[in-house]
Protein backbone atom coordinates (compact mmCIF):
# COMPACT_ATOMS: atom_id res chain seq x y z
CA UNK A 1 -31.91 -6.25 7.24
CA UNK A 2 -28.54 -6.10 5.93
CA UNK A 3 -28.21 -6.66 2.22
CA UNK A 4 -31.01 -4.02 1.82
CA UNK A 5 -29.01 -1.15 3.90
CA UNK A 6 -26.42 -2.07 1.18
CA UNK A 7 -28.19 -1.94 -1.34
CA UNK A 8 -29.75 1.91 0.23
CA UNK A 9 -26.47 3.28 -0.08
CA UNK A 10 -25.35 2.50 -3.26
CA UNK A 11 -22.65 -0.72 -2.15
CA UNK A 12 -22.20 -3.21 -4.15
CA UNK A 13 -22.41 -6.82 -2.76
CA UNK A 14 -21.91 -10.50 -3.91
CA UNK A 15 -24.36 -13.21 -2.87
CA UNK A 16 -23.94 -15.00 1.15
CA UNK A 17 -23.57 -12.22 3.46
CA UNK A 18 -23.99 -12.88 7.00
CA UNK A 19 -24.85 -9.94 8.72
CA UNK A 20 -24.27 -9.52 13.32
CA UNK A 21 -26.30 -6.60 13.88
CA UNK A 22 -26.23 -4.13 11.07
CA UNK A 23 -23.04 -1.73 9.87
CA UNK A 24 -22.54 1.57 9.14
CA UNK A 25 -22.37 2.50 5.80
CA UNK A 26 -20.42 6.48 4.96
CA UNK A 27 -20.69 6.89 1.16
CA UNK A 28 -20.06 9.78 -1.25
CA UNK A 29 -21.96 9.75 -4.27
CA UNK A 30 -19.42 9.05 -6.20
CA UNK A 31 -17.48 6.99 -4.21
CA UNK A 32 -17.11 2.98 -5.01
CA UNK A 33 -17.52 0.22 -2.79
CA UNK A 34 -17.39 -3.20 -3.47
CA UNK A 35 -19.01 -6.46 -1.18
CA UNK A 36 -17.28 -10.16 -2.43
CA UNK A 37 -19.78 -13.01 -1.95
CA UNK A 38 -19.77 -14.75 1.91
CA UNK A 39 -18.77 -12.75 3.87
CA UNK A 40 -19.68 -11.81 7.79
CA UNK A 41 -19.99 -8.64 9.00
CA UNK A 42 -20.86 -8.94 12.94
CA UNK A 43 -21.77 -5.39 13.98
CA UNK A 44 -24.36 -6.57 17.39
CA UNK A 45 -21.80 -6.35 20.89
CA UNK A 46 -22.55 -10.29 21.64
CA UNK A 47 -21.81 -11.17 17.83
CA UNK A 48 -18.48 -12.09 18.84
CA UNK A 49 -16.82 -13.93 22.38
CA UNK A 50 -14.39 -11.50 22.65
CA UNK A 51 -16.85 -8.74 22.49
CA UNK A 52 -16.94 -5.60 20.44
CA UNK A 53 -16.68 -1.68 21.02
CA UNK A 54 -18.01 -0.31 17.84
CA UNK A 55 -20.35 -2.00 14.67
CA UNK A 56 -18.56 -2.56 11.81
CA UNK A 57 -18.46 0.80 9.31
CA UNK A 58 -17.63 1.43 6.69
CA UNK A 59 -16.81 4.37 5.64
CA UNK A 60 -15.53 5.97 1.88
CA UNK A 61 -15.22 9.29 0.58
CA UNK A 62 -15.51 11.45 -2.52
CA UNK A 63 -14.37 9.23 -5.70
CA UNK A 64 -12.67 6.68 -2.89
CA UNK A 65 -12.58 3.21 -4.09
CA UNK A 66 -13.93 0.28 -0.65
CA UNK A 67 -13.37 -3.07 -2.04
CA UNK A 68 -13.57 -6.55 -0.22
CA UNK A 69 -13.32 -9.71 -1.45
CA UNK A 70 -14.99 -12.72 -1.11
CA UNK A 71 -15.67 -15.11 2.38
CA UNK A 72 -13.71 -12.50 4.56
CA UNK A 73 -14.82 -11.93 7.98
CA UNK A 74 -15.52 -8.51 10.25
CA UNK A 75 -15.82 -8.05 13.62
CA UNK A 76 -16.47 -4.49 14.40
CA UNK A 77 -13.89 -3.39 11.66
CA UNK A 78 -13.95 0.57 11.10
CA UNK A 79 -12.03 1.10 7.52
CA UNK A 80 -12.04 4.49 5.55
CA UNK A 81 -11.10 4.33 3.20
CA UNK A 82 -10.45 8.13 1.08
CA UNK A 83 -8.45 6.81 -2.10
CA UNK A 84 -8.56 3.43 -2.21
CA UNK A 85 -8.53 -0.02 0.55
CA UNK A 86 -8.41 -3.22 -1.23
CA UNK A 87 -8.31 -5.88 1.02
CA UNK A 88 -8.50 -9.88 -0.48
CA UNK A 89 -10.35 -12.69 -0.59
CA UNK A 90 -10.43 -14.61 3.05
CA UNK A 91 -8.92 -11.99 4.97
CA UNK A 92 -10.30 -12.50 8.24
CA UNK A 93 -10.37 -9.15 10.84
CA UNK A 94 -10.48 -9.24 14.16
CA UNK A 95 -12.78 -7.55 16.87
CA UNK A 96 -12.63 -3.93 16.97
CA UNK A 97 -10.37 -3.49 13.53
CA UNK A 98 -9.43 -0.14 11.66
CA UNK A 99 -8.59 0.57 8.54
CA UNK A 100 -8.03 3.58 6.48
CA UNK A 101 -5.70 5.46 3.82
CA UNK A 102 -6.48 8.71 4.92
CA UNK A 103 -5.27 10.83 8.65
CA UNK A 104 -9.50 11.41 8.53
CA UNK A 105 -8.45 15.09 9.03
CA UNK A 106 -8.45 16.05 5.55
CA UNK A 107 -9.85 20.60 6.97
CA UNK A 108 -5.99 20.56 8.24
CA UNK A 109 -3.46 22.00 5.62
CA UNK A 110 -1.31 19.98 8.38
CA UNK A 111 -2.18 16.61 7.09
CA UNK A 112 -0.39 14.28 4.51
CA UNK A 113 -2.77 13.20 1.48
CA UNK A 114 -4.94 9.32 1.93
CA UNK A 115 -2.20 6.83 0.61
CA UNK A 116 -3.76 3.18 -0.87
CA UNK A 117 -4.12 0.21 1.39
CA UNK A 118 -3.55 -3.42 0.33
CA UNK A 119 -4.30 -6.46 1.67
CA UNK A 120 -3.46 -9.72 0.19
CA UNK A 121 -5.99 -12.88 0.58
CA UNK A 122 -5.63 -14.94 2.93
CA UNK A 123 -4.02 -12.24 5.89
CA UNK A 124 -4.85 -12.57 9.23
CA UNK A 125 -5.70 -9.42 11.29
CA UNK A 126 -6.12 -9.65 15.50
CA UNK A 127 -7.63 -8.14 17.36
CA UNK A 128 -7.42 -4.19 17.88
CA UNK A 129 -5.44 -4.46 15.04
CA UNK A 130 -5.02 -0.98 12.93
CA UNK A 131 -3.87 -1.05 9.06
CA UNK A 132 -2.65 2.66 8.84
CA UNK A 133 -2.97 4.13 5.53
CA UNK A 134 0.08 2.92 2.33
CA UNK A 135 0.88 -0.73 3.52
CA UNK A 136 0.60 -3.46 1.86
CA UNK A 137 -0.09 -6.94 3.83
CA UNK A 138 0.86 -9.54 1.68
CA UNK A 139 -0.68 -12.62 1.45
CA UNK A 140 -1.12 -16.09 4.28
CA UNK A 141 0.70 -13.02 7.28
CA UNK A 142 -1.03 -12.86 10.15
CA UNK A 143 -0.24 -9.63 12.55
CA UNK A 144 -0.33 -10.14 15.79
CA UNK A 145 -3.60 -8.57 18.16
CA UNK A 146 -2.72 -4.40 18.99
CA UNK A 147 -0.88 -4.33 16.17
CA UNK A 148 -0.14 -0.71 14.58
CA UNK A 149 0.68 -1.09 11.09
CA UNK A 150 2.64 1.95 9.93
CA UNK A 151 4.41 0.02 7.09
CA UNK A 152 4.07 -2.88 3.61
CA UNK A 153 3.78 -6.93 5.61
CA UNK A 154 5.38 -9.51 3.02
CA UNK A 155 3.93 -12.86 3.25
CA UNK A 156 3.49 -15.29 4.42
CA UNK A 157 5.20 -14.55 7.66
CA UNK A 158 3.93 -13.10 11.18
CA UNK A 159 3.98 -9.89 12.44
CA UNK A 160 3.16 -7.95 15.85
CA UNK A 161 4.39 -4.24 17.90
CA UNK A 162 3.72 -0.81 17.27
CA UNK A 163 5.29 0.14 15.03
CA UNK A 164 4.46 -3.96 13.90
CA UNK A 165 7.89 -5.60 12.94
CA UNK A 166 7.96 -9.32 11.48
CA UNK A 167 8.16 -11.95 13.42
CA UNK A 168 8.92 -15.39 11.77
CA UNK A 169 8.25 -17.09 8.36
CA UNK A 170 5.31 -19.14 7.99
CA UNK A 171 6.89 -22.55 6.20
CA UNK A 172 4.35 -23.86 3.74
C-alpha cells in the first residue's frame, strides 16, 4: 500500500521499501521526491519501541527537491523541503525527528528564504533531533537525542545539544 501511495503522489521510489503504517506525502506538482532502495518508513505509533507521535511526513513545496538515499530508516520523521533536502545512504532517523530547509512561514515577509540541507551517508540522528535550514552533516556522524542542529557538523563526530555542538571525534 505504501508503494502505491508513493506512486499516487508522483514519488520516484526504489525497490525493497518497508512500511509500518502509512506516511503522509505532500508534493507540489513542480517538486521532485526521490527515494532510494531498501528504505524503511515507521509511521505507526507501535512500530518503534520508543514510540512515535506522528507518521512520517514528506513535504516538498514548489520546485523543491527532496532525496533520500538507499537503506535509510525513518521513524515518525518529518522532512520539509522548500528548496532542497538531500539525505545520503544508510541514514537513520530516530523517533520524531524533523529535517527542514525552511521556516514554514513563507507568507511572512520577516521570514528568510530556505537554505539547502545536506545529510551525508551513514549519519545517525537520535530521537527528537531537529535539523534546521542551511545545515550540512558530515558522513558517519552521530547527533544526540533532542539536539537542535543549527550549524554544519563535520564528518566522523558525535555532536549534541541545543544548539548542537561537537562533543567527540569518532576514530575509525
